[in-house]
Amino acid sequence: METIEAAQRTGSTVFCLRYTEVRKGVWNGRNNYGRGVMERLAEETGGLGFDAGEAKSLRDAFRQIVEVLRSSYDLAYASSAGKGDATFRKIQIRCKKAGLELRYKTGYFARID
C-alpha cells in the first residue's frame, strides 16, 4: 500500500514486468500473492502488468507499453470539493461509446492549497 500511495502522490503510472516460475502448470501461493500485488499496483496507477513467462517475449510487452503511452490523454478538471486537504480522492471515468477500453488512475491526492 505504501508503494501504491507513493506512486499516486507523484502521479506515476507503473507498468509491472514480472517473471513467475510455474511448476507443472501450477502457481504456488507466494507467486499468486506477488502477481496480485503487482496487478494492483499497475491498476491503481493506470498501468499494466505483464508476465514474461506468458508473453511471447519481453519485446511484445514493451511494444504494448509504448502503444499505451502513445495513445494516452491527460484530463484535468476543477474539483467541487473545495480546498485541498491532502486526502485521497477517488475518480471514475466512463465512456459513452461502447467497445472502448479505458485505463485510468483510480484517484489522486488533493494538493494542499
PDB file of N, CA and C in Angstrom:
ATOM      1  N   MET A   1       0.820  -1.197   0.000  1.00  0.00           N
ATOM      2  CA  MET A   1       0.000   0.000   0.000  1.00  0.00           C
ATOM      3  C   MET A   1       0.865   1.262   0.000  1.00  0.00           C
ATOM      4  N   GLU A   2       2.016   1.229   0.681  1.00  0.00           N
ATOM      5  CA  GLU A   2       2.897   2.391   0.706  1.00  0.00           C
ATOM      6  C   GLU A   2       3.429   2.699  -0.691  1.00  0.00           C
ATOM      7  N   THR A   3       3.741   1.661  -1.443  1.00  0.00           N
ATOM      8  CA  THR A   3       4.262   1.859  -2.797  1.00  0.00           C
ATOM      9  C   THR A   3       3.185   2.429  -3.696  1.00  0.00           C
ATOM     10  N   ILE A   4       1.966   1.921  -3.587  1.00  0.00           N
ATOM     11  CA  ILE A   4       0.852   2.447  -4.378  1.00  0.00           C
ATOM     12  C   ILE A   4       0.628   3.911  -4.033  1.00  0.00           C
ATOM     13  N   GLU A   5       0.610   4.226  -2.745  1.00  0.00           N
ATOM     14  CA  GLU A   5       0.401   5.615  -2.325  1.00  0.00           C
ATOM     15  C   GLU A   5       1.514   6.524  -2.824  1.00  0.00           C
ATOM     16  N   ALA A   6       2.748   6.069  -2.764  1.00  0.00           N
ATOM     17  CA  ALA A   6       3.875   6.883  -3.243  1.00  0.00           C
ATOM     18  C   ALA A   6       3.736   7.150  -4.737  1.00  0.00           C
ATOM     19  N   ALA A   7       3.353   6.136  -5.499  1.00  0.00           N
ATOM     20  CA  ALA A   7       3.166   6.313  -6.943  1.00  0.00           C
ATOM     21  C   ALA A   7       2.008   7.274  -7.218  1.00  0.00           C
ATOM     22  N   GLN A   8       0.927   7.159  -6.464  1.00  0.00           N
ATOM     23  CA  GLN A   8      -0.225   8.051  -6.661  1.00  0.00           C
ATOM     24  C   GLN A   8       0.119   9.488  -6.290  1.00  0.00           C
ATOM     25  N   ARG A   9       0.877   9.675  -5.246  1.00  0.00           N
ATOM     26  CA  ARG A   9       1.251  11.035  -4.830  1.00  0.00           C
ATOM     27  C   ARG A   9       2.112  11.733  -5.880  1.00  0.00           C
ATOM     28  N   THR A  10       2.917  10.982  -6.592  1.00  0.00           N
ATOM     29  CA  THR A  10       3.781  11.578  -7.606  1.00  0.00           C
ATOM     30  C   THR A  10       3.157  11.564  -8.998  1.00  0.00           C
ATOM     31  N   GLY A  11       1.975  10.967  -9.125  1.00  0.00           N
ATOM     32  CA  GLY A  11       1.305  10.908 -10.420  1.00  0.00           C
ATOM     33  C   GLY A  11       1.940   9.911 -11.376  1.00  0.00           C
ATOM     34  N   SER A  12       2.649   8.941 -10.834  1.00  0.00           N
ATOM     35  CA  SER A  12       3.351   7.960 -11.663  1.00  0.00           C
ATOM     36  C   SER A  12       2.403   6.877 -12.184  1.00  0.00           C
ATOM     37  N   THR A  13       2.666   6.423 -13.389  1.00  0.00           N
ATOM     38  CA  THR A  13       1.994   5.264 -13.959  1.00  0.00           C
ATOM     39  C   THR A  13       2.993   4.120 -13.920  1.00  0.00           C
ATOM     40  N   VAL A  14       2.580   2.994 -13.348  1.00  0.00           N
ATOM     41  CA  VAL A  14       3.501   1.874 -13.160  1.00  0.00           C
ATOM     42  C   VAL A  14       3.126   0.722 -14.087  1.00  0.00           C
ATOM     43  N   PHE A  15       4.117   0.253 -14.833  1.00  0.00           N
ATOM     44  CA  PHE A  15       3.985  -0.935 -15.672  1.00  0.00           C
ATOM     45  C   PHE A  15       4.844  -2.015 -15.028  1.00  0.00           C
ATOM     46  N   CYS A  16       4.231  -3.111 -14.636  1.00  0.00           N
ATOM     47  CA  CYS A  16       4.943  -4.179 -13.933  1.00  0.00           C
ATOM     48  C   CYS A  16       5.298  -5.308 -14.893  1.00  0.00           C
ATOM     49  N   LEU A  17       6.568  -5.637 -14.935  1.00  0.00           N
ATOM     50  CA  LEU A  17       7.058  -6.786 -15.694  1.00  0.00           C
ATOM     51  C   LEU A  17       7.580  -7.799 -14.693  1.00  0.00           C
ATOM     52  N   ARG A  18       7.011  -8.972 -14.693  1.00  0.00           N
ATOM     53  CA  ARG A  18       7.411  -9.985 -13.728  1.00  0.00           C
ATOM     54  C   ARG A  18       7.686 -11.304 -14.445  1.00  0.00           C
ATOM     55  N   TYR A  19       8.484 -12.098 -13.844  1.00  0.00           N
ATOM     56  CA  TYR A  19       8.706 -13.448 -14.342  1.00  0.00           C
ATOM     57  C   TYR A  19       8.328 -14.394 -13.215  1.00  0.00           C
ATOM     58  N   THR A  20       7.406 -15.282 -13.477  1.00  0.00           N
ATOM     59  CA  THR A  20       6.949 -16.214 -12.473  1.00  0.00           C
ATOM     60  C   THR A  20       7.233 -17.632 -12.945  1.00  0.00           C
ATOM     61  N   GLU A  21       7.967 -18.336 -12.149  1.00  0.00           N
ATOM     62  CA  GLU A  21       8.256 -19.724 -12.484  1.00  0.00           C
ATOM     63  C   GLU A  21       7.057 -20.587 -12.104  1.00  0.00           C
ATOM     64  N   VAL A  22       6.530 -21.279 -13.078  1.00  0.00           N
ATOM     65  CA  VAL A  22       5.371 -22.148 -12.864  1.00  0.00           C
ATOM     66  C   VAL A  22       5.866 -23.594 -12.923  1.00  0.00           C
ATOM     67  N   ARG A  23       5.529 -24.351 -11.920  1.00  0.00           N
ATOM     68  CA  ARG A  23       5.956 -25.759 -11.885  1.00  0.00           C
ATOM     69  C   ARG A  23       4.748 -26.656 -12.124  1.00  0.00           C
ATOM     70  N   LYS A  24       4.890 -27.469 -13.155  1.00  0.00           N
ATOM     71  CA  LYS A  24       3.832 -28.406 -13.539  1.00  0.00           C
ATOM     72  C   LYS A  24       2.521 -27.675 -13.799  1.00  0.00           C
ATOM     73  N   GLY A  25       2.636 -26.456 -14.350  1.00  0.00           N
ATOM     74  CA  GLY A  25       1.457 -25.676 -14.705  1.00  0.00           C
ATOM     75  C   GLY A  25       0.709 -25.057 -13.535  1.00  0.00           C
ATOM     76  N   VAL A  26       1.318 -25.066 -12.347  1.00  0.00           N
ATOM     77  CA  VAL A  26       0.628 -24.576 -11.144  1.00  0.00           C
ATOM     78  C   VAL A  26       1.441 -23.457 -10.502  1.00  0.00           C
ATOM     79  N   TRP A  27       0.744 -22.402 -10.104  1.00  0.00           N
ATOM     80  CA  TRP A  27       1.355 -21.313  -9.354  1.00  0.00           C
ATOM     81  C   TRP A  27       1.321 -21.679  -7.871  1.00  0.00           C
ATOM     82  N   ASN A  28       2.357 -21.343  -7.140  1.00  0.00           N
ATOM     83  CA  ASN A  28       2.288 -21.550  -5.694  1.00  0.00           C
ATOM     84  C   ASN A  28       1.681 -20.304  -5.047  1.00  0.00           C
ATOM     85  N   GLY A  29       1.397 -20.383  -3.758  1.00  0.00           N
ATOM     86  CA  GLY A  29       0.747 -19.274  -3.056  1.00  0.00           C
ATOM     87  C   GLY A  29       1.546 -17.992  -3.091  1.00  0.00           C
ATOM     88  N   ARG A  30       2.849 -18.105  -2.965  1.00  0.00           N
ATOM     89  CA  ARG A  30       3.711 -16.920  -2.984  1.00  0.00           C
ATOM     90  C   ARG A  30       3.641 -16.227  -4.344  1.00  0.00           C
ATOM     91  N   ASN A  31       3.677 -17.015  -5.418  1.00  0.00           N
ATOM     92  CA  ASN A  31       3.582 -16.433  -6.756  1.00  0.00           C
ATOM     93  C   ASN A  31       2.231 -15.768  -6.979  1.00  0.00           C
ATOM     94  N   ASN A  32       1.155 -16.397  -6.515  1.00  0.00           N
ATOM     95  CA  ASN A  32      -0.179 -15.803  -6.653  1.00  0.00           C
ATOM     96  C   ASN A  32      -0.258 -14.469  -5.921  1.00  0.00           C
ATOM     97  N   TYR A  33       0.288 -14.431  -4.708  1.00  0.00           N
ATOM     98  CA  TYR A  33       0.264 -13.193  -3.932  1.00  0.00           C
ATOM     99  C   TYR A  33       1.046 -12.097  -4.649  1.00  0.00           C
ATOM    100  N   GLY A  34       2.255 -12.427  -5.103  1.00  0.00           N
ATOM    101  CA  GLY A  34       3.087 -11.442  -5.798  1.00  0.00           C
ATOM    102  C   GLY A  34       2.431 -10.925  -7.059  1.00  0.00           C
ATOM    103  N   ARG A  35       1.803 -11.829  -7.803  1.00  0.00           N
ATOM    104  CA  ARG A  35       1.108 -11.412  -9.027  1.00  0.00           C
ATOM    105  C   ARG A  35      -0.032 -10.457  -8.694  1.00  0.00           C
ATOM    106  N   GLY A  36      -0.776 -10.781  -7.643  1.00  0.00           N
ATOM    107  CA  GLY A  36      -1.882  -9.914  -7.234  1.00  0.00           C
ATOM    108  C   GLY A  36      -1.415  -8.527  -6.822  1.00  0.00           C
ATOM    109  N   VAL A  37      -0.317  -8.471  -6.086  1.00  0.00           N
ATOM    110  CA  VAL A  37       0.235  -7.188  -5.644  1.00  0.00           C
ATOM    111  C   VAL A  37       0.659  -6.352  -6.845  1.00  0.00           C
ATOM    112  N   MET A  38       1.347  -6.972  -7.783  1.00  0.00           N
ATOM    113  CA  MET A  38       1.825  -6.238  -8.961  1.00  0.00           C
ATOM    114  C   MET A  38       0.668  -5.802  -9.854  1.00  0.00           C
ATOM    115  N   GLU A  39      -0.348  -6.640  -9.989  1.00  0.00           N
ATOM    116  CA  GLU A  39      -1.524  -6.259 -10.774  1.00  0.00           C
ATOM    117  C   GLU A  39      -2.225  -5.063 -10.140  1.00  0.00           C
ATOM    118  N   ARG A  40      -2.336  -5.078  -8.818  1.00  0.00           N
ATOM    119  CA  ARG A  40      -2.999  -3.952  -8.137  1.00  0.00           C
ATOM    120  C   ARG A  40      -2.195  -2.671  -8.276  1.00  0.00           C
ATOM    121  N   LEU A  41      -0.877  -2.760  -8.144  1.00  0.00           N
ATOM    122  CA  LEU A  41      -0.013  -1.591  -8.316  1.00  0.00           C
ATOM    123  C   LEU A  41      -0.206  -0.998  -9.706  1.00  0.00           C
ATOM    124  N   ALA A  42      -0.217  -1.841 -10.714  1.00  0.00           N
ATOM    125  CA  ALA A  42      -0.407  -1.361 -12.085  1.00  0.00           C
ATOM    126  C   ALA A  42      -1.801  -0.762 -12.258  1.00  0.00           C
ATOM    127  N   GLU A  43      -2.827  -1.454 -11.783  1.00  0.00           N
ATOM    128  CA  GLU A  43      -4.204  -0.982 -11.961  1.00  0.00           C
ATOM    129  C   GLU A  43      -4.457   0.343 -11.251  1.00  0.00           C
ATOM    130  N   GLU A  44      -3.994   0.466 -10.022  1.00  0.00           N
ATOM    131  CA  GLU A  44      -4.237   1.681  -9.233  1.00  0.00           C
ATOM    132  C   GLU A  44      -3.538   2.903  -9.817  1.00  0.00           C
ATOM    133  N   THR A  45      -2.499   2.682 -10.614  1.00  0.00           N
ATOM    134  CA  THR A  45      -1.744   3.800 -11.185  1.00  0.00           C
ATOM    135  C   THR A  45      -2.012   3.998 -12.676  1.00  0.00           C
ATOM    136  N   GLY A  46      -2.934   3.212 -13.228  1.00  0.00           N
ATOM    137  CA  GLY A  46      -3.277   3.365 -14.645  1.00  0.00           C
ATOM    138  C   GLY A  46      -2.351   2.622 -15.586  1.00  0.00           C
ATOM    139  N   GLY A  47      -1.524   1.736 -15.060  1.00  0.00           N
ATOM    140  CA  GLY A  47      -0.579   0.982 -15.880  1.00  0.00           C
ATOM    141  C   GLY A  47      -1.084  -0.403 -16.223  1.00  0.00           C
ATOM    142  N   LEU A  48      -0.153  -1.272 -16.558  1.00  0.00           N
ATOM    143  CA  LEU A  48      -0.457  -2.650 -16.920  1.00  0.00           C
ATOM    144  C   LEU A  48       0.550  -3.581 -16.272  1.00  0.00           C
ATOM    145  N   GLY A  49       0.138  -4.831 -16.098  1.00  0.00           N
ATOM    146  CA  GLY A  49       1.039  -5.851 -15.602  1.00  0.00           C
ATOM    147  C   GLY A  49       1.293  -6.891 -16.671  1.00  0.00           C
ATOM    148  N   PHE A  50       2.512  -7.356 -16.755  1.00  0.00           N
ATOM    149  CA  PHE A  50       2.898  -8.365 -17.740  1.00  0.00           C
ATOM    150  C   PHE A  50       3.641  -9.487 -17.048  1.00  0.00           C
ATOM    151  N   ASP A  51       3.418 -10.701 -17.489  1.00  0.00           N
ATOM    152  CA  ASP A  51       4.179 -11.840 -17.021  1.00  0.00           C
ATOM    153  C   ASP A  51       5.057 -12.295 -18.169  1.00  0.00           C
ATOM    154  N   ALA A  52       6.350 -12.176 -18.016  1.00  0.00           N
ATOM    155  CA  ALA A  52       7.280 -12.516 -19.089  1.00  0.00           C
ATOM    156  C   ALA A  52       7.172 -13.980 -19.483  1.00  0.00           C
ATOM    157  N   GLY A  53       6.759 -14.825 -18.571  1.00  0.00           N
ATOM    158  CA  GLY A  53       6.603 -16.232 -18.892  1.00  0.00           C
ATOM    159  C   GLY A  53       5.394 -16.517 -19.768  1.00  0.00           C
ATOM    160  N   GLU A  54       4.384 -15.634 -19.734  1.00  0.00           N
ATOM    161  CA  GLU A  54       3.171 -15.824 -20.522  1.00  0.00           C
ATOM    162  C   GLU A  54       3.230 -15.092 -21.855  1.00  0.00           C
ATOM    163  N   ALA A  55       4.002 -14.041 -21.926  1.00  0.00           N
ATOM    164  CA  ALA A  55       4.084 -13.255 -23.159  1.00  0.00           C
ATOM    165  C   ALA A  55       4.983 -13.965 -24.161  1.00  0.00           C
ATOM    166  N   LYS A  56       4.790 -13.657 -25.439  1.00  0.00           N
ATOM    167  CA  LYS A  56       5.663 -14.226 -26.471  1.00  0.00           C
ATOM    168  C   LYS A  56       7.099 -13.820 -26.201  1.00  0.00           C
ATOM    169  N   SER A  57       7.280 -12.591 -25.819  1.00  0.00           N
ATOM    170  CA  SER A  57       8.623 -12.109 -25.490  1.00  0.00           C
ATOM    171  C   SER A  57       8.490 -10.790 -24.750  1.00  0.00           C
ATOM    172  N   LEU A  58       9.575 -10.401 -24.136  1.00  0.00           N
ATOM    173  CA  LEU A  58       9.585  -9.093 -23.479  1.00  0.00           C
ATOM    174  C   LEU A  58       9.406  -7.983 -24.497  1.00  0.00           C
ATOM    175  N   ARG A  59       9.882  -8.203 -25.695  1.00  0.00           N
ATOM    176  CA  ARG A  59       9.733  -7.208 -26.754  1.00  0.00           C
ATOM    177  C   ARG A  59       8.251  -6.893 -26.986  1.00  0.00           C
ATOM    178  N   ASP A  60       7.396  -7.920 -26.979  1.00  0.00           N
ATOM    179  CA  ASP A  60       5.962  -7.705 -27.149  1.00  0.00           C
ATOM    180  C   ASP A  60       5.380  -6.878 -26.002  1.00  0.00           C
ATOM    181  N   ALA A  61       5.840  -7.155 -24.786  1.00  0.00           N
ATOM    182  CA  ALA A  61       5.359  -6.393 -23.632  1.00  0.00           C
ATOM    183  C   ALA A  61       5.756  -4.925 -23.756  1.00  0.00           C
ATOM    184  N   PHE A  62       7.002  -4.671 -24.148  1.00  0.00           N
ATOM    185  CA  PHE A  62       7.447  -3.287 -24.298  1.00  0.00           C
ATOM    186  C   PHE A  62       6.724  -2.588 -25.448  1.00  0.00           C
ATOM    187  N   ARG A  63       6.423  -3.306 -26.500  1.00  0.00           N
ATOM    188  CA  ARG A  63       5.644  -2.705 -27.594  1.00  0.00           C
ATOM    189  C   ARG A  63       4.262  -2.289 -27.115  1.00  0.00           C
ATOM    190  N   GLN A  64       3.652  -3.122 -26.291  1.00  0.00           N
ATOM    191  CA  GLN A  64       2.333  -2.778 -25.769  1.00  0.00           C
ATOM    192  C   GLN A  64       2.409  -1.567 -24.840  1.00  0.00           C
ATOM    193  N   ILE A  65       3.441  -1.500 -24.035  1.00  0.00           N
ATOM    194  CA  ILE A  65       3.618  -0.331 -23.153  1.00  0.00           C
ATOM    195  C   ILE A  65       3.781   0.931 -23.986  1.00  0.00           C
ATOM    196  N   VAL A  66       4.591   0.868 -25.029  1.00  0.00           N
ATOM    197  CA  VAL A  66       4.783   2.015 -25.914  1.00  0.00           C
ATOM    198  C   VAL A  66       3.459   2.441 -26.522  1.00  0.00           C
ATOM    199  N   GLU A  67       2.657   1.489 -26.964  1.00  0.00           N
ATOM    200  CA  GLU A  67       1.360   1.805 -27.572  1.00  0.00           C
ATOM    201  C   GLU A  67       0.417   2.470 -26.563  1.00  0.00           C
ATOM    202  N   VAL A  68       0.423   1.977 -25.334  1.00  0.00           N
ATOM    203  CA  VAL A  68      -0.404   2.589 -24.293  1.00  0.00           C
ATOM    204  C   VAL A  68       0.037   4.024 -24.051  1.00  0.00           C
ATOM    205  N   LEU A  69       1.330   4.247 -23.951  1.00  0.00           N
ATOM    206  CA  LEU A  69       1.829   5.601 -23.695  1.00  0.00           C
ATOM    207  C   LEU A  69       1.561   6.539 -24.869  1.00  0.00           C
ATOM    208  N   ARG A  70       1.659   6.042 -26.075  1.00  0.00           N
ATOM    209  CA  ARG A  70       1.395   6.873 -27.254  1.00  0.00           C
ATOM    210  C   ARG A  70      -0.076   7.257 -27.388  1.00  0.00           C
ATOM    211  N   SER A  71      -0.953   6.417 -26.896  1.00  0.00           N
ATOM    212  CA  SER A  71      -2.382   6.674 -27.073  1.00  0.00           C
ATOM    213  C   SER A  71      -3.031   7.212 -25.800  1.00  0.00           C
ATOM    214  N   SER A  72      -2.219   7.741 -24.893  1.00  0.00           N
ATOM    215  CA  SER A  72      -2.727   8.266 -23.625  1.00  0.00           C
ATOM    216  C   SER A  72      -3.117   9.733 -23.748  1.00  0.00           C
ATOM    217  N   TYR A  73      -4.080  10.114 -22.961  1.00  0.00           N
ATOM    218  CA  TYR A  73      -4.525  11.510 -22.880  1.00  0.00           C
ATOM    219  C   TYR A  73      -4.545  11.919 -21.427  1.00  0.00           C
ATOM    220  N   ASP A  74      -4.257  13.160 -21.167  1.00  0.00           N
ATOM    221  CA  ASP A  74      -4.367  13.713 -19.825  1.00  0.00           C
ATOM    222  C   ASP A  74      -5.635  14.537 -19.737  1.00  0.00           C
ATOM    223  N   LEU A  75      -6.389  14.328 -18.682  1.00  0.00           N
ATOM    224  CA  LEU A  75      -7.597  15.099 -18.429  1.00  0.00           C
ATOM    225  C   LEU A  75      -7.387  15.918 -17.167  1.00  0.00           C
ATOM    226  N   ALA A  76      -7.980  17.087 -17.137  1.00  0.00           N
ATOM    227  CA  ALA A  76      -7.895  17.926 -15.947  1.00  0.00           C
ATOM    228  C   ALA A  76      -9.281  18.491 -15.659  1.00  0.00           C
ATOM    229  N   TYR A  77      -9.520  18.756 -14.398  1.00  0.00           N
ATOM    230  CA  TYR A  77     -10.784  19.361 -14.007  1.00  0.00           C
ATOM    231  C   TYR A  77     -10.594  20.057 -12.666  1.00  0.00           C
ATOM    232  N   ALA A  78     -11.527  20.905 -12.338  1.00  0.00           N
ATOM    233  CA  ALA A  78     -11.512  21.588 -11.048  1.00  0.00           C
ATOM    234  C   ALA A  78     -12.497  20.876 -10.135  1.00  0.00           C
ATOM    235  N   SER A  79     -12.019  20.437  -9.000  1.00  0.00           N
ATOM    236  CA  SER A  79     -12.857  19.714  -8.061  1.00  0.00           C
ATOM    237  C   SER A  79     -13.850  20.648  -7.382  1.00  0.00           C
ATOM    238  N   SER A  80     -15.030  20.153  -7.128  1.00  0.00           N
ATOM    239  CA  SER A  80     -16.029  20.931  -6.403  1.00  0.00           C
ATOM    240  C   SER A  80     -15.900  20.703  -4.897  1.00  0.00           C
ATOM    241  N   ALA A  81     -14.908  19.930  -4.488  1.00  0.00           N
ATOM    242  CA  ALA A  81     -14.732  19.592  -3.075  1.00  0.00           C
ATOM    243  C   ALA A  81     -14.052  20.701  -2.272  1.00  0.00           C
ATOM    244  N   GLY A  82     -13.687  21.775  -2.916  1.00  0.00           N
ATOM    245  CA  GLY A  82     -13.079  22.886  -2.190  1.00  0.00           C
ATOM    246  C   GLY A  82     -11.575  22.755  -2.088  1.00  0.00           C
ATOM    247  N   LYS A  83     -11.005  23.410  -1.082  1.00  0.00           N
ATOM    248  CA  LYS A  83      -9.557  23.445  -0.923  1.00  0.00           C
ATOM    249  C   LYS A  83      -8.982  22.059  -0.693  1.00  0.00           C
ATOM    250  N   GLY A  84      -7.742  21.895  -1.135  1.00  0.00           N
ATOM    251  CA  GLY A  84      -7.053  20.627  -0.959  1.00  0.00           C
ATOM    252  C   GLY A  84      -6.692  20.357   0.480  1.00  0.00           C
ATOM    253  N   ASP A  85      -6.856  19.114   0.880  1.00  0.00           N
ATOM    254  CA  ASP A  85      -6.547  18.732   2.248  1.00  0.00           C
ATOM    255  C   ASP A  85      -5.630  17.498   2.290  1.00  0.00           C
ATOM    256  N   ALA A  86      -5.006  17.182   1.166  1.00  0.00           N
ATOM    257  CA  ALA A  86      -4.055  16.070   1.040  1.00  0.00           C
ATOM    258  C   ALA A  86      -4.706  14.697   1.182  1.00  0.00           C
ATOM    259  N   THR A  87      -6.027  14.619   1.110  1.00  0.00           N
ATOM    260  CA  THR A  87      -6.694  13.315   1.177  1.00  0.00           C
ATOM    261  C   THR A  87      -6.765  12.695  -0.212  1.00  0.00           C
ATOM    262  N   PHE A  88      -6.942  11.381  -0.237  1.00  0.00           N
ATOM    263  CA  PHE A  88      -7.079  10.671  -1.500  1.00  0.00           C
ATOM    264  C   PHE A  88      -8.516  10.805  -1.985  1.00  0.00           C
ATOM    265  N   ARG A  89      -8.655  11.223  -3.233  1.00  0.00           N
ATOM    266  CA  ARG A  89      -9.985  11.390  -3.823  1.00  0.00           C
ATOM    267  C   ARG A  89     -10.130  10.420  -4.990  1.00  0.00           C
ATOM    268  N   LYS A  90     -11.098   9.535  -4.881  1.00  0.00           N
ATOM    269  CA  LYS A  90     -11.317   8.541  -5.923  1.00  0.00           C
ATOM    270  C   LYS A  90     -11.983   9.186  -7.131  1.00  0.00           C
ATOM    271  N   ILE A  91     -11.661   8.655  -8.297  1.00  0.00           N
ATOM    272  CA  ILE A  91     -12.312   9.107  -9.521  1.00  0.00           C
ATOM    273  C   ILE A  91     -12.769   7.886 -10.307  1.00  0.00           C
ATOM    274  N   GLN A  92     -13.743   8.110 -11.154  1.00  0.00           N
ATOM    275  CA  GLN A  92     -14.211   7.067 -12.058  1.00  0.00           C
ATOM    276  C   GLN A  92     -14.496   7.734 -13.392  1.00  0.00           C
ATOM    277  N   ILE A  93     -13.998   7.126 -14.454  1.00  0.00           N
ATOM    278  CA  ILE A  93     -14.197   7.662 -15.791  1.00  0.00           C
ATOM    279  C   ILE A  93     -15.012   6.654 -16.585  1.00  0.00           C
ATOM    280  N   ARG A  94     -16.058   7.130 -17.222  1.00  0.00           N
ATOM    281  CA  ARG A  94     -16.898   6.264 -18.042  1.00  0.00           C
ATOM    282  C   ARG A  94     -16.916   6.788 -19.466  1.00  0.00           C
ATOM    283  N   CYS A  95     -17.053   5.883 -20.394  1.00  0.00           N
ATOM    284  CA  CYS A  95     -17.065   6.228 -21.806  1.00  0.00           C
ATOM    285  C   CYS A  95     -18.460   5.994 -22.377  1.00  0.00           C
ATOM    286  N   LYS A  96     -18.960   6.948 -23.154  1.00  0.00           N
ATOM    287  CA  LYS A  96     -20.271   6.803 -23.771  1.00  0.00           C
ATOM    288  C   LYS A  96     -20.254   5.811 -24.928  1.00  0.00           C
ATOM    289  N   LYS A  97     -19.115   5.691 -25.591  1.00  0.00           N
ATOM    290  CA  LYS A  97     -19.019   4.812 -26.748  1.00  0.00           C
ATOM    291  C   LYS A  97     -18.702   3.385 -26.301  1.00  0.00           C
ATOM    292  N   ALA A  98     -19.529   2.445 -26.709  1.00  0.00           N
ATOM    293  CA  ALA A  98     -19.345   1.047 -26.336  1.00  0.00           C
ATOM    294  C   ALA A  98     -18.122   0.451 -27.044  1.00  0.00           C
ATOM    295  N   GLY A  99     -17.505  -0.519 -26.404  1.00  0.00           N
ATOM    296  CA  GLY A  99     -16.411  -1.240 -27.020  1.00  0.00           C
ATOM    297  C   GLY A  99     -15.031  -0.659 -26.802  1.00  0.00           C
ATOM    298  N   LEU A 100     -14.938   0.484 -26.132  1.00  0.00           N
ATOM    299  CA  LEU A 100     -13.631   1.083 -25.865  1.00  0.00           C
ATOM    300  C   LEU A 100     -13.150   0.661 -24.478  1.00  0.00           C
ATOM    301  N   GLU A 101     -11.859   0.471 -24.365  1.00  0.00           N
ATOM    302  CA  GLU A 101     -11.269   0.111 -23.083  1.00  0.00           C
ATOM    303  C   GLU A 101     -10.600   1.339 -22.493  1.00  0.00           C
ATOM    304  N   LEU A 102     -10.945   1.649 -21.266  1.00  0.00           N
ATOM    305  CA  LEU A 102     -10.345   2.796 -20.580  1.00  0.00           C
ATOM    306  C   LEU A 102      -9.385   2.303 -19.516  1.00  0.00           C
ATOM    307  N   ARG A 103      -8.278   2.968 -19.389  1.00  0.00           N
ATOM    308  CA  ARG A 103      -7.308   2.682 -18.351  1.00  0.00           C
ATOM    309  C   ARG A 103      -7.006   4.022 -17.695  1.00  0.00           C
ATOM    310  N   TYR A 104      -7.215   4.084 -16.400  1.00  0.00           N
ATOM    311  CA  TYR A 104      -7.008   5.359 -15.718  1.00  0.00           C
ATOM    312  C   TYR A 104      -6.618   5.114 -14.265  1.00  0.00           C
ATOM    313  N   LYS A 105      -6.030   6.129 -13.695  1.00  0.00           N
ATOM    314  CA  LYS A 105      -5.677   6.059 -12.280  1.00  0.00           C
ATOM    315  C   LYS A 105      -6.969   6.044 -11.467  1.00  0.00           C
ATOM    316  N   THR A 106      -6.945   5.397 -10.315  1.00  0.00           N
ATOM    317  CA  THR A 106      -8.165   5.270  -9.520  1.00  0.00           C
ATOM    318  C   THR A 106      -8.462   6.512  -8.685  1.00  0.00           C
ATOM    319  N   GLY A 107      -7.541   7.451  -8.647  1.00  0.00           N
ATOM    320  CA  GLY A 107      -7.768   8.675  -7.887  1.00  0.00           C
ATOM    321  C   GLY A 107      -6.497   9.493  -7.777  1.00  0.00           C
ATOM    322  N   TYR A 108      -6.531  10.477  -6.899  1.00  0.00           N
ATOM    323  CA  TYR A 108      -5.390  11.367  -6.724  1.00  0.00           C
ATOM    324  C   TYR A 108      -5.403  11.920  -5.301  1.00  0.00           C
ATOM    325  N   PHE A 109      -4.268  12.410  -4.877  1.00  0.00           N
ATOM    326  CA  PHE A 109      -4.186  13.084  -3.590  1.00  0.00           C
ATOM    327  C   PHE A 109      -4.351  14.572  -3.834  1.00  0.00           C
ATOM    328  N   ALA A 110      -5.304  15.181  -3.153  1.00  0.00           N
ATOM    329  CA  ALA A 110      -5.573  16.605  -3.311  1.00  0.00           C
ATOM    330  C   ALA A 110      -4.371  17.416  -2.826  1.00  0.00           C
ATOM    331  N   ARG A 111      -3.999  18.395  -3.627  1.00  0.00           N
ATOM    332  CA  ARG A 111      -2.891  19.277  -3.215  1.00  0.00           C
ATOM    333  C   ARG A 111      -3.346  20.196  -2.114  1.00  0.00           C
ATOM    334  N   ILE A 112      -2.444  20.443  -1.215  1.00  0.00           N
ATOM    335  CA  ILE A 112      -2.753  21.384  -0.124  1.00  0.00           C
ATOM    336  C   ILE A 112      -2.582  22.789  -0.685  1.00  0.00           C
ATOM    337  N   ASP A 113      -3.624  23.582  -0.555  1.00  0.00           N
ATOM    338  CA  ASP A 113      -3.579  24.953  -1.088  1.00  0.00           C
ATOM    339  C   ASP A 113      -2.815  25.883  -0.199  1.00  0.00           C
TER     340      ASP A 113
END
